[in-house]
Amino acid sequence: MKQLWNREQRKSAFQSEAMHPATWIIRVKFLKEASEKLNSFGESRSSSHLVWIEYMLLGMALESLIKGHMVFRGINAVEQGKRRLVIAKPFKSHELHRLAKHIECPALPISAQDYSLLEKLSVFVKWAGRYPIPTDDQTMGPQQASNKEHDKICKLFSRLLERLERGIG
C-alpha cells in the first residue's frame, strides 16, 4: 500500500503533534470519559471487577495530563533516535509520581497526598489494569480502591486540567 505522507511530512506531523499541549488534552478527555463510563455502572468500588480498568484509564488520563504540562513547560517530547524521531525518554515513563516532579512549581503545588495517589495509579497504568500479574514479584500485592480515594483523584485531575487549559487558552 502506498504511503500517504513522505518521511519529512511524517516527521513534521509527529513533532508538531507531540509538542502541542492540546494534543495531550484531547487524549486526556477521551481517557477520562472512558473511565467515567465504567464508573457509571454504579457498582461499589470495593467489589467491582471493573475498578482496575477504571483506575488504569484514570491513571492514563493523568499521565497524559502531566505530559501535556511538561510540553507546556517546554520539555521536549521528541528526540532524534538512530533513524527516526522518537518520544523523548522522560515521556516514556508511566511513573506518575516521578513525572509530576517535572511540573510541580509554586503555581502548581502537588501535595504528598497527591504524590501518593499518583504512585498508586502508576501500578494500574503499568500492569494492574492491563495484565493479570506484574513483571516481577516486587510489585505484586492487592490493589484496592475506595470512593473517597476516587474523589481525591478526580479533584487532582480537575485541578491539573483546569490549570493546563487556562495556561494554553
Protein backbone atom coordinates (compact mmCIF):
# COMPACT_ATOMS: atom_id res chain seq x y z
CA MET A 1 0.00 0.00 0.00
CA LYS A 2 1.27 3.45 -0.90
CA GLN A 3 2.31 5.79 1.95
CA LEU A 4 0.12 8.87 2.14
CA TRP A 5 2.89 11.03 3.62
CA ASN A 6 6.54 11.12 2.79
CA ARG A 7 9.20 10.85 5.51
CA GLU A 8 9.52 14.60 6.06
CA GLN A 9 5.76 15.06 6.33
CA ARG A 10 5.56 12.27 8.93
CA LYS A 11 8.45 13.75 10.92
CA SER A 12 6.94 17.22 10.84
CA ALA A 13 3.48 16.00 11.88
CA PHE A 14 4.92 13.79 14.64
CA GLN A 15 6.97 16.63 16.11
CA SER A 16 4.22 19.26 15.91
CA GLU A 17 1.61 16.94 17.47
CA ALA A 18 3.92 15.78 20.27
CA MET A 19 4.91 19.33 21.15
CA HIS A 20 1.42 20.80 21.34
CA PRO A 21 -0.33 20.58 24.75
CA ALA A 22 -3.75 20.45 23.06
CA THR A 23 -2.81 17.07 21.54
CA TRP A 24 -2.32 15.73 25.05
CA ILE A 25 -5.53 17.36 26.35
CA ILE A 26 -7.64 15.69 23.66
CA ARG A 27 -6.35 12.26 24.72
CA VAL A 28 -6.85 13.18 28.39
CA LYS A 29 -10.52 13.90 27.80
CA PHE A 30 -11.10 10.64 25.88
CA LEU A 31 -9.48 8.58 28.64
CA LYS A 32 -11.38 10.39 31.41
CA GLU A 33 -14.66 9.92 29.55
CA ALA A 34 -13.98 6.19 29.20
CA SER A 35 -13.22 5.90 32.94
CA GLU A 36 -16.46 7.72 33.74
CA LYS A 37 -18.44 5.28 31.58
CA LEU A 38 -17.02 2.39 33.60
CA ASN A 39 -17.80 4.27 36.82
CA SER A 40 -21.39 4.81 35.70
CA PHE A 41 -22.25 1.14 36.15
CA GLY A 42 -22.84 2.04 39.79
CA GLU A 43 -21.05 -0.88 41.40
CA SER A 44 -19.22 -0.35 44.66
CA ARG A 45 -15.51 0.27 44.09
CA SER A 46 -14.64 -2.31 46.70
CA SER A 47 -16.46 -5.08 44.83
CA SER A 48 -16.35 -4.08 41.18
CA HIS A 49 -14.25 -6.12 38.83
CA LEU A 50 -14.07 -3.06 36.55
CA VAL A 51 -12.34 -0.83 39.08
CA TRP A 52 -8.85 -1.90 37.99
CA ILE A 53 -9.63 -0.90 34.40
CA GLU A 54 -11.29 2.33 35.55
CA TYR A 55 -8.18 3.21 37.56
CA MET A 56 -5.95 2.30 34.63
CA LEU A 57 -7.88 4.75 32.45
CA LEU A 58 -7.81 7.44 35.15
CA GLY A 59 -4.09 6.90 35.54
CA MET A 60 -3.53 7.08 31.80
CA ALA A 61 -5.56 10.30 31.69
CA LEU A 62 -3.43 11.78 34.47
CA GLU A 63 -0.26 10.58 32.74
CA SER A 64 -1.24 12.36 29.52
CA LEU A 65 -2.25 15.43 31.51
CA ILE A 66 1.10 15.59 33.28
CA LYS A 67 2.89 15.11 29.96
CA GLY A 68 0.80 17.92 28.46
CA HIS A 69 2.02 20.13 31.32
CA MET A 70 5.59 19.04 30.59
CA VAL A 71 5.20 20.07 26.95
CA PHE A 72 3.64 23.37 28.02
CA ARG A 73 6.68 23.95 30.26
CA GLY A 74 8.96 23.50 27.27
CA ILE A 75 10.22 19.98 27.99
CA ASN A 76 10.90 18.43 24.60
CA ALA A 77 8.69 15.39 23.96
CA VAL A 78 10.65 14.35 20.87
CA GLU A 79 14.26 13.39 20.32
CA GLN A 80 16.28 12.05 17.43
CA GLY A 81 16.63 8.29 17.52
CA LYS A 82 19.03 6.25 15.38
CA ARG A 83 16.99 6.59 12.20
CA ARG A 84 13.84 8.45 13.18
CA LEU A 85 12.24 10.83 15.65
CA VAL A 86 11.07 9.12 18.84
CA ILE A 87 9.32 10.10 22.05
CA ALA A 88 11.89 11.53 24.48
CA LYS A 89 12.93 9.40 27.45
CA PRO A 90 11.03 11.32 30.18
CA PHE A 91 7.81 10.82 28.20
CA LYS A 92 8.21 7.04 28.09
CA SER A 93 7.65 6.66 31.81
CA HIS A 94 4.42 5.51 33.47
CA GLU A 95 5.66 6.52 36.94
CA LEU A 96 3.12 9.29 37.52
CA HIS A 97 4.60 10.41 40.83
CA ARG A 98 8.01 10.84 39.19
CA LEU A 99 6.58 12.59 36.13
CA ALA A 100 4.75 15.04 38.41
CA LYS A 101 8.08 16.29 39.74
CA HIS A 102 8.64 17.83 36.28
CA ILE A 103 5.59 20.06 36.64
CA GLU A 104 5.46 20.97 40.33
CA CYS A 105 6.02 24.65 41.00
CA PRO A 106 4.60 27.35 43.31
CA ALA A 107 1.78 27.99 40.85
CA LEU A 108 1.01 24.25 40.68
CA PRO A 109 1.77 22.66 44.05
CA ILE A 110 1.48 18.90 44.37
CA SER A 111 0.97 17.61 47.88
CA ALA A 112 2.41 14.50 49.48
CA GLN A 113 -1.11 13.03 49.33
CA ASP A 114 -1.23 13.77 45.57
CA TYR A 115 2.13 12.06 45.08
CA SER A 116 0.85 9.04 47.00
CA LEU A 117 -2.25 8.83 44.77
CA LEU A 118 -0.12 9.16 41.65
CA GLU A 119 2.19 6.40 42.83
CA LYS A 120 -0.78 4.10 43.42
CA LEU A 121 -2.25 4.90 40.00
CA SER A 122 1.09 4.09 38.38
CA VAL A 123 0.58 0.45 39.35
CA PHE A 124 -2.75 0.36 37.50
CA VAL A 125 -1.25 2.00 34.39
CA LYS A 126 1.79 -0.29 34.33
CA TRP A 127 0.10 -3.61 34.99
CA ALA A 128 -2.92 -3.91 37.30
CA GLY A 129 -5.44 -2.65 34.73
CA ARG A 130 -3.76 -4.42 31.83
CA TYR A 131 -2.25 -7.74 32.85
CA PRO A 132 -3.03 -10.46 35.41
CA ILE A 133 0.41 -10.14 37.04
CA PRO A 134 3.24 -7.58 37.17
CA THR A 135 6.61 -8.14 35.52
CA ASP A 136 8.25 -9.04 38.84
CA ASP A 137 7.35 -10.14 42.36
CA GLN A 138 8.32 -6.80 43.96
CA THR A 139 5.15 -5.06 42.76
CA MET A 140 2.80 -7.97 43.42
CA GLY A 141 0.15 -7.31 46.01
CA PRO A 142 -3.51 -6.47 46.45
CA GLN A 143 -4.76 -3.40 44.62
CA GLN A 144 -7.69 -1.68 46.29
CA ALA A 145 -9.73 1.41 45.57
CA SER A 146 -12.25 3.43 47.53
CA ASN A 147 -14.85 6.05 46.70
CA LYS A 148 -13.04 8.58 48.90
CA GLU A 149 -9.78 7.95 47.08
CA HIS A 150 -11.53 8.19 43.71
CA ASP A 151 -12.88 11.61 44.67
CA LYS A 152 -9.38 12.81 45.56
CA ILE A 153 -8.03 11.55 42.24
CA CYS A 154 -10.82 13.35 40.36
CA LYS A 155 -10.11 16.60 42.24
CA LEU A 156 -6.41 16.36 41.37
CA PHE A 157 -7.33 15.64 37.76
CA SER A 158 -9.69 18.63 37.57
CA ARG A 159 -7.10 20.95 39.11
CA LEU A 160 -4.38 19.89 36.69
CA LEU A 161 -6.66 20.03 33.65
CA GLU A 162 -8.05 23.46 34.54
CA ARG A 163 -4.54 24.81 35.06
CA LEU A 164 -3.26 23.48 31.72
CA GLU A 165 -6.30 24.65 29.76
CA ARG A 166 -6.03 28.09 31.33
CA GLY A 167 -2.32 28.19 30.50
CA ILE A 168 -2.72 27.36 26.81
CA GLY A 169 -6.10 29.05 26.36
